[in-house]
Amino acid sequence: MIAFIFFRNYINQGIMAFLYAFIAGIMLQISVYELFPIIKQYKKKKHALISFFLGIIIILISHSFFF
């Protein structure tokens, strides 16, 4: 909030889009690095991997409806 107050005159739609994409990439990387080791612990690894990637696909599709 403090950064936005100081830089609000310089922030445009392109910068906000870049920031959102950057933050989304960080969140995706953190979730992958946290979830992949947990998936290795399951007995049915194939089902866990399919569910993981299916969840990512569903999130991407649902976000495409809003933009």
PDB file of N, CA and C in Angstrom:
ATOM      1  N   MET A   1       0.823  -1.183   0.000  1.00  0.00           N
ATOM      2  CA  MET A   1       0.000   0.000   0.000  1.00  0.00           C
ATOM      3  C   MET A   1       0.871   1.253   0.000  1.00  0.00           C
ATOM      4  N   ILE A   2       1.920   1.231   0.766  1.00  0.00           N
ATOM      5  CA  ILE A   2       2.789   2.405   0.838  1.00  0.00           C
ATOM      6  C   ILE A   2       3.465   2.643  -0.511  1.00  0.00           C
ATOM      7  N   ALA A   3       3.914   1.558  -1.156  1.00  0.00           N
ATOM      8  CA  ALA A   3       4.547   1.705  -2.469  1.00  0.00           C
ATOM      9  C   ALA A   3       3.551   2.243  -3.484  1.00  0.00           C
ATOM     10  N   PHE A   4       2.306   1.785  -3.422  1.00  0.00           N
ATOM     11  CA  PHE A   4       1.293   2.280  -4.356  1.00  0.00           C
ATOM     12  C   PHE A   4       1.038   3.768  -4.152  1.00  0.00           C
ATOM     13  N   ILE A   5       1.015   4.211  -2.921  1.00  0.00           N
ATOM     14  CA  ILE A   5       0.790   5.635  -2.645  1.00  0.00           C
ATOM     15  C   ILE A   5       1.906   6.482  -3.255  1.00  0.00           C
ATOM     16  N   PHE A   6       3.147   6.021  -3.136  1.00  0.00           N
ATOM     17  CA  PHE A   6       4.264   6.797  -3.664  1.00  0.00           C
ATOM     18  C   PHE A   6       4.394   6.702  -5.184  1.00  0.00           C
ATOM     19  N   PHE A   7       4.040   5.552  -5.758  1.00  0.00           N
ATOM     20  CA  PHE A   7       4.256   5.331  -7.190  1.00  0.00           C
ATOM     21  C   PHE A   7       2.974   5.323  -8.012  1.00  0.00           C
ATOM     22  N   ARG A   8       1.866   5.766  -7.479  1.00  0.00           N
ATOM     23  CA  ARG A   8       0.593   5.680  -8.201  1.00  0.00           C
ATOM     24  C   ARG A   8       0.585   6.490  -9.488  1.00  0.00           C
ATOM     25  N   ASN A   9       1.376   7.534  -9.584  1.00  0.00           N
ATOM     26  CA  ASN A   9       1.432   8.321 -10.819  1.00  0.00           C
ATOM     27  C   ASN A   9       2.189   7.601 -11.931  1.00  0.00           C
ATOM     28  N   TYR A  10       3.020   6.627 -11.581  1.00  0.00           N
ATOM     29  CA  TYR A  10       3.848   5.930 -12.557  1.00  0.00           C
ATOM     30  C   TYR A  10       3.313   4.551 -12.912  1.00  0.00           C
ATOM     31  N   ILE A  11       2.321   4.066 -12.200  1.00  0.00           N
ATOM     32  CA  ILE A  11       1.794   2.724 -12.429  1.00  0.00           C
ATOM     33  C   ILE A  11       0.672   2.800 -13.455  1.00  0.00           C
ATOM     34  N   ASN A  12       0.823   2.009 -14.542  1.00  0.00           N
ATOM     35  CA  ASN A  12      -0.226   1.933 -15.548  1.00  0.00           C
ATOM     36  C   ASN A  12      -0.681   0.482 -15.697  1.00  0.00           C
ATOM     37  N   GLN A  13      -1.548   0.216 -16.669  1.00  0.00           N
ATOM     38  CA  GLN A  13      -2.094  -1.131 -16.843  1.00  0.00           C
ATOM     39  C   GLN A  13      -1.011  -2.143 -17.211  1.00  0.00           C
ATOM     40  N   GLY A  14      -0.040  -1.739 -18.005  1.00  0.00           N
ATOM     41  CA  GLY A  14       1.033  -2.653 -18.397  1.00  0.00           C
ATOM     42  C   GLY A  14       1.884  -3.084 -17.218  1.00  0.00           C
ATOM     43  N   ILE A  15       2.206  -2.152 -16.361  1.00  0.00           N
ATOM     44  CA  ILE A  15       3.004  -2.476 -15.173  1.00  0.00           C
ATOM     45  C   ILE A  15       2.214  -3.374 -14.232  1.00  0.00           C
ATOM     46  N   MET A  16       0.925  -3.091 -14.065  1.00  0.00           N
ATOM     47  CA  MET A  16       0.100  -3.939 -13.199  1.00  0.00           C
ATOM     48  C   MET A  16      -0.010  -5.354 -13.765  1.00  0.00           C
ATOM     49  N   ALA A  17      -0.154  -5.480 -15.092  1.00  0.00           N
ATOM     50  CA  ALA A  17      -0.216  -6.805 -15.713  1.00  0.00           C
ATOM     51  C   ALA A  17       1.084  -7.565 -15.483  1.00  0.00           C
ATOM     52  N   PHE A  18       2.213  -6.881 -15.623  1.00  0.00           N
ATOM     53  CA  PHE A  18       3.500  -7.521 -15.373  1.00  0.00           C
ATOM     54  C   PHE A  18       3.620  -7.968 -13.924  1.00  0.00           C
ATOM     55  N   LEU A  19       3.216  -7.119 -12.996  1.00  0.00           N
ATOM     56  CA  LEU A  19       3.304  -7.471 -11.576  1.00  0.00           C
ATOM     57  C   LEU A  19       2.425  -8.669 -11.242  1.00  0.00           C
ATOM     58  N   TYR A  20       1.200  -8.692 -11.794  1.00  0.00           N
ATOM     59  CA  TYR A  20       0.315  -9.835 -11.546  1.00  0.00           C
ATOM     60  C   TYR A  20       0.900 -11.122 -12.121  1.00  0.00           C
ATOM     61  N   ALA A  21       1.461 -11.056 -13.324  1.00  0.00           N
ATOM     62  CA  ALA A  21       2.069 -12.241 -13.932  1.00  0.00           C
ATOM     63  C   ALA A  21       3.277 -12.704 -13.128  1.00  0.00           C
ATOM     64  N   PHE A  22       4.076 -11.773 -12.665  1.00  0.00           N
ATOM     65  CA  PHE A  22       5.256 -12.107 -11.868  1.00  0.00           C
ATOM     66  C   PHE A  22       4.859 -12.780 -10.555  1.00  0.00           C
ATOM     67  N   ILE A  23       3.877 -12.224  -9.883  1.00  0.00           N
ATOM     68  CA  ILE A  23       3.414 -12.789  -8.613  1.00  0.00           C
ATOM     69  C   ILE A  23       2.780 -14.154  -8.827  1.00  0.00           C
ATOM     70  N   ALA A  24       2.020 -14.307  -9.915  1.00  0.00           N
ATOM     71  CA  ALA A  24       1.422 -15.610 -10.219  1.00  0.00           C
ATOM     72  C   ALA A  24       2.501 -16.654 -10.478  1.00  0.00           C
ATOM     73  N   GLY A  25       3.564 -16.271 -11.156  1.00  0.00           N
ATOM     74  CA  GLY A  25       4.671 -17.192 -11.398  1.00  0.00           C
ATOM     75  C   GLY A  25       5.355 -17.614 -10.110  1.00  0.00           C
ATOM     76  N   ILE A  26       5.535 -16.685  -9.205  1.00  0.00           N
ATOM     77  CA  ILE A  26       6.133 -17.011  -7.906  1.00  0.00           C
ATOM     78  C   ILE A  26       5.236 -17.976  -7.138  1.00  0.00           C
ATOM     79  N   MET A  27       3.936 -17.704  -7.122  1.00  0.00           N
ATOM     80  CA  MET A  27       3.013 -18.585  -6.396  1.00  0.00           C
ATOM     81  C   MET A  27       2.981 -19.978  -7.012  1.00  0.00           C
ATOM     82  N   LEU A  28       3.028 -20.064  -8.339  1.00  0.00           N
ATOM     83  CA  LEU A  28       3.026 -21.361  -9.005  1.00  0.00           C
ATOM     84  C   LEU A  28       4.297 -22.132  -8.684  1.00  0.00           C
ATOM     85  N   GLN A  29       5.427 -21.458  -8.703  1.00  0.00           N
ATOM     86  CA  GLN A  29       6.686 -22.128  -8.394  1.00  0.00           C
ATOM     87  C   GLN A  29       6.699 -22.640  -6.956  1.00  0.00           C
ATOM     88  N   ILE A  30       6.238 -21.845  -6.030  1.00  0.00           N
ATOM     89  CA  ILE A  30       6.204 -22.272  -4.630  1.00  0.00           C
ATOM     90  C   ILE A  30       5.274 -23.464  -4.459  1.00  0.00           C
ATOM     91  N   SER A  31       4.114 -23.418  -5.094  1.00  0.00           N
ATOM     92  CA  SER A  31       3.172 -24.529  -4.932  1.00  0.00           C
ATOM     93  C   SER A  31       3.716 -25.806  -5.551  1.00  0.00           C
ATOM     94  N   VAL A  32       4.402 -25.699  -6.689  1.00  0.00           N
ATOM     95  CA  VAL A  32       4.966 -26.899  -7.317  1.00  0.00           C
ATOM     96  C   VAL A  32       6.065 -27.485  -6.439  1.00  0.00           C
ATOM     97  N   TYR A  33       6.944 -26.646  -5.925  1.00  0.00           N
ATOM     98  CA  TYR A  33       8.031 -27.159  -5.083  1.00  0.00           C
ATOM     99  C   TYR A  33       7.528 -27.714  -3.755  1.00  0.00           C
ATOM    100  N   GLU A  34       6.382 -27.262  -3.296  1.00  0.00           N
ATOM    101  CA  GLU A  34       5.817 -27.796  -2.057  1.00  0.00           C
ATOM    102  C   GLU A  34       5.008 -29.069  -2.314  1.00  0.00           C
ATOM    103  N   LEU A  35       4.307 -29.133  -3.436  1.00  0.00           N
ATOM    104  CA  LEU A  35       3.403 -30.254  -3.666  1.00  0.00           C
ATOM    105  C   LEU A  35       4.082 -31.472  -4.286  1.00  0.00           C
ATOM    106  N   PHE A  36       5.094 -31.294  -5.131  1.00  0.00           N
ATOM    107  CA  PHE A  36       5.729 -32.447  -5.760  1.00  0.00           C
ATOM    108  C   PHE A  36       6.360 -33.406  -4.749  1.00  0.00           C
ATOM    109  N   PRO A  37       7.072 -32.946  -3.729  1.00  0.00           N
ATOM    110  CA  PRO A  37       7.592 -33.906  -2.741  1.00  0.00           C
ATOM    111  C   PRO A  37       6.480 -34.656  -1.999  1.00  0.00           C
ATOM    112  N   ILE A  38       5.361 -33.996  -1.789  1.00  0.00           N
ATOM    113  CA  ILE A  38       4.240 -34.661  -1.115  1.00  0.00           C
ATOM    114  C   ILE A  38       3.628 -35.721  -2.021  1.00  0.00           C
ATOM    115  N   ILE A  39       3.566 -35.440  -3.329  1.00  0.00           N
ATOM    116  CA  ILE A  39       3.008 -36.404  -4.279  1.00  0.00           C
ATOM    117  C   ILE A  39       3.838 -37.686  -4.284  1.00  0.00           C
ATOM    118  N   LYS A  40       5.142 -37.577  -4.114  1.00  0.00           N
ATOM    119  CA  LYS A  40       6.007 -38.757  -4.113  1.00  0.00           C
ATOM    120  C   LYS A  40       5.703 -39.694  -2.953  1.00  0.00           C
ATOM    121  N   GLN A  41       5.075 -39.197  -1.896  1.00  0.00           N
ATOM    122  CA  GLN A  41       4.783 -40.021  -0.728  1.00  0.00           C
ATOM    123  C   GLN A  41       3.533 -40.880  -0.914  1.00  0.00           C
ATOM    124  N   TYR A  42       2.664 -40.532  -1.866  1.00  0.00           N
ATOM    125  CA  TYR A  42       1.436 -41.289  -2.069  1.00  0.00           C
ATOM    126  C   TYR A  42       1.726 -42.619  -2.739  1.00  0.00           C
ATOM    127  N   LYS A  43       0.889 -43.609  -2.440  1.00  0.00           N
ATOM    128  CA  LYS A  43       1.046 -44.913  -3.069  1.00  0.00           C
ATOM    129  C   LYS A  43       0.638 -44.861  -4.537  1.00  0.00           C
ATOM    130  N   LYS A  44      -0.426 -44.123  -4.820  1.00  0.00           N
ATOM    131  CA  LYS A  44      -0.911 -44.008  -6.198  1.00  0.00           C
ATOM    132  C   LYS A  44      -0.403 -42.688  -6.787  1.00  0.00           C
ATOM    133  N   LYS A  45       0.845 -42.700  -7.206  1.00  0.00           N
ATOM    134  CA  LYS A  45       1.467 -41.475  -7.712  1.00  0.00           C
ATOM    135  C   LYS A  45       0.809 -40.993  -8.996  1.00  0.00           C
ATOM    136  N   LYS A  46       0.375 -41.945  -9.814  1.00  0.00           N
ATOM    137  CA  LYS A  46      -0.238 -41.577 -11.092  1.00  0.00           C
ATOM    138  C   LYS A  46      -1.506 -40.765 -10.864  1.00  0.00           C
ATOM    139  N   HIS A  47      -2.340 -41.203  -9.932  1.00  0.00           N
ATOM    140  CA  HIS A  47      -3.575 -40.471  -9.637  1.00  0.00           C
ATOM    141  C   HIS A  47      -3.279 -39.089  -9.054  1.00  0.00           C
ATOM    142  N   ALA A  48      -2.270 -39.010  -8.219  1.00  0.00           N
ATOM    143  CA  ALA A  48      -1.919 -37.726  -7.616  1.00  0.00           C
ATOM    144  C   ALA A  48      -1.402 -36.748  -8.669  1.00  0.00           C
ATOM    145  N   LEU A  49      -0.561 -37.223  -9.587  1.00  0.00           N
ATOM    146  CA  LEU A  49      -0.050 -36.349 -10.645  1.00  0.00           C
ATOM    147  C   LEU A  49      -1.158 -35.892 -11.587  1.00  0.00           C
ATOM    148  N   ILE A  50      -2.044 -36.813 -11.954  1.00  0.00           N
ATOM    149  CA  ILE A  50      -3.164 -36.447 -12.826  1.00  0.00           C
ATOM    150  C   ILE A  50      -4.037 -35.406 -12.142  1.00  0.00           C
ATOM    151  N   SER A  51      -4.314 -35.602 -10.876  1.00  0.00           N
ATOM    152  CA  SER A  51      -5.137 -34.633 -10.135  1.00  0.00           C
ATOM    153  C   SER A  51      -4.447 -33.280 -10.031  1.00  0.00           C
ATOM    154  N   PHE A  52      -3.149 -33.287  -9.815  1.00  0.00           N
ATOM    155  CA  PHE A  52      -2.393 -32.038  -9.713  1.00  0.00           C
ATOM    156  C   PHE A  52      -2.472 -31.248 -11.015  1.00  0.00           C
ATOM    157  N   PHE A  53      -2.178 -31.906 -12.138  1.00  0.00           N
ATOM    158  CA  PHE A  53      -2.204 -31.211 -13.424  1.00  0.00           C
ATOM    159  C   PHE A  53      -3.620 -30.861 -13.858  1.00  0.00           C
ATOM    160  N   LEU A  54      -4.580 -31.691 -13.526  1.00  0.00           N
ATOM    161  CA  LEU A  54      -5.973 -31.367 -13.825  1.00  0.00           C
ATOM    162  C   LEU A  54      -6.408 -30.125 -13.055  1.00  0.00           C
ATOM    163  N   GLY A  55      -5.973 -29.999 -11.818  1.00  0.00           N
ATOM    164  CA  GLY A  55      -6.275 -28.805 -11.033  1.00  0.00           C
ATOM    165  C   GLY A  55      -5.676 -27.553 -11.645  1.00  0.00           C
ATOM    166  N   ILE A  56      -4.443 -27.651 -12.132  1.00  0.00           N
ATOM    167  CA  ILE A  56      -3.812 -26.502 -12.788  1.00  0.00           C
ATOM    168  C   ILE A  56      -4.575 -26.120 -14.050  1.00  0.00           C
ATOM    169  N   ILE A  57      -4.986 -27.111 -14.837  1.00  0.00           N
ATOM    170  CA  ILE A  57      -5.737 -26.836 -16.066  1.00  0.00           C
ATOM    171  C   ILE A  57      -7.071 -26.184 -15.748  1.00  0.00           C
ATOM    172  N   ILE A  58      -7.758 -26.666 -14.732  1.00  0.00           N
ATOM    173  CA  ILE A  58      -9.049 -26.075 -14.349  1.00  0.00           C
ATOM    174  C   ILE A  58      -8.867 -24.624 -13.908  1.00  0.00           C
ATOM    175  N   ILE A  59      -7.834 -24.353 -13.152  1.00  0.00           N
ATOM    176  CA  ILE A  59      -7.573 -22.975 -12.723  1.00  0.00           C
ATOM    177  C   ILE A  59      -7.287 -22.084 -13.926  1.00  0.00           C
ATOM    178  N   LEU A  60      -6.475 -22.560 -14.871  1.00  0.00           N
ATOM    179  CA  LEU A  60      -6.168 -21.754 -16.057  1.00  0.00           C
ATOM    180  C   LEU A  60      -7.415 -21.484 -16.889  1.00  0.00           C
ATOM    181  N   ILE A  61      -8.268 -22.489 -17.050  1.00  0.00           N
ATOM    182  CA  ILE A  61      -9.499 -22.303 -17.821  1.00  0.00           C
ATOM    183  C   ILE A  61     -10.433 -21.337 -17.114  1.00  0.00           C
ATOM    184  N   SER A  62     -10.579 -21.485 -15.811  1.00  0.00           N
ATOM    185  CA  SER A  62     -11.490 -20.593 -15.090  1.00  0.00           C
ATOM    186  C   SER A  62     -10.989 -19.153 -15.100  1.00  0.00           C
ATOM    187  N   HIS A  63      -9.689 -18.953 -15.098  1.00  0.00           N
ATOM    188  CA  HIS A  63      -9.150 -17.591 -15.143  1.00  0.00           C
ATOM    189  C   HIS A  63      -9.292 -16.984 -16.527  1.00  0.00           C
ATOM    190  N   SER A  64      -9.317 -17.820 -17.565  1.00  0.00           N
ATOM    191  CA  SER A  64      -9.449 -17.275 -18.919  1.00  0.00           C
ATOM    192  C   SER A  64     -10.841 -16.694 -19.147  1.00  0.00           C
ATOM    193  N   PHE A  65     -11.838 -17.113 -18.373  1.00  0.00           N
ATOM    194  CA  PHE A  65     -13.183 -16.560 -18.517  1.00  0.00           C
ATOM    195  C   PHE A  65     -13.276 -15.147 -17.966  1.00  0.00           C
ATOM    196  N   PHE A  66     -12.390 -14.773 -17.075  1.00  0.00           N
ATOM    197  CA  PHE A  66     -12.462 -13.465 -16.437  1.00  0.00           C
ATOM    198  C   PHE A  66     -11.625 -12.406 -17.133  1.00  0.00           C
ATOM    199  N   PHE A  67     -10.777 -12.805 -18.096  1.00  0.00           N
ATOM    200  CA  PHE A  67      -9.923 -11.816 -18.759  1.00  0.00           C
ATOM    201  C   PHE A  67     -10.244 -11.707 -20.207  1.00  0.00           C
TER     202      PHE A  67
END
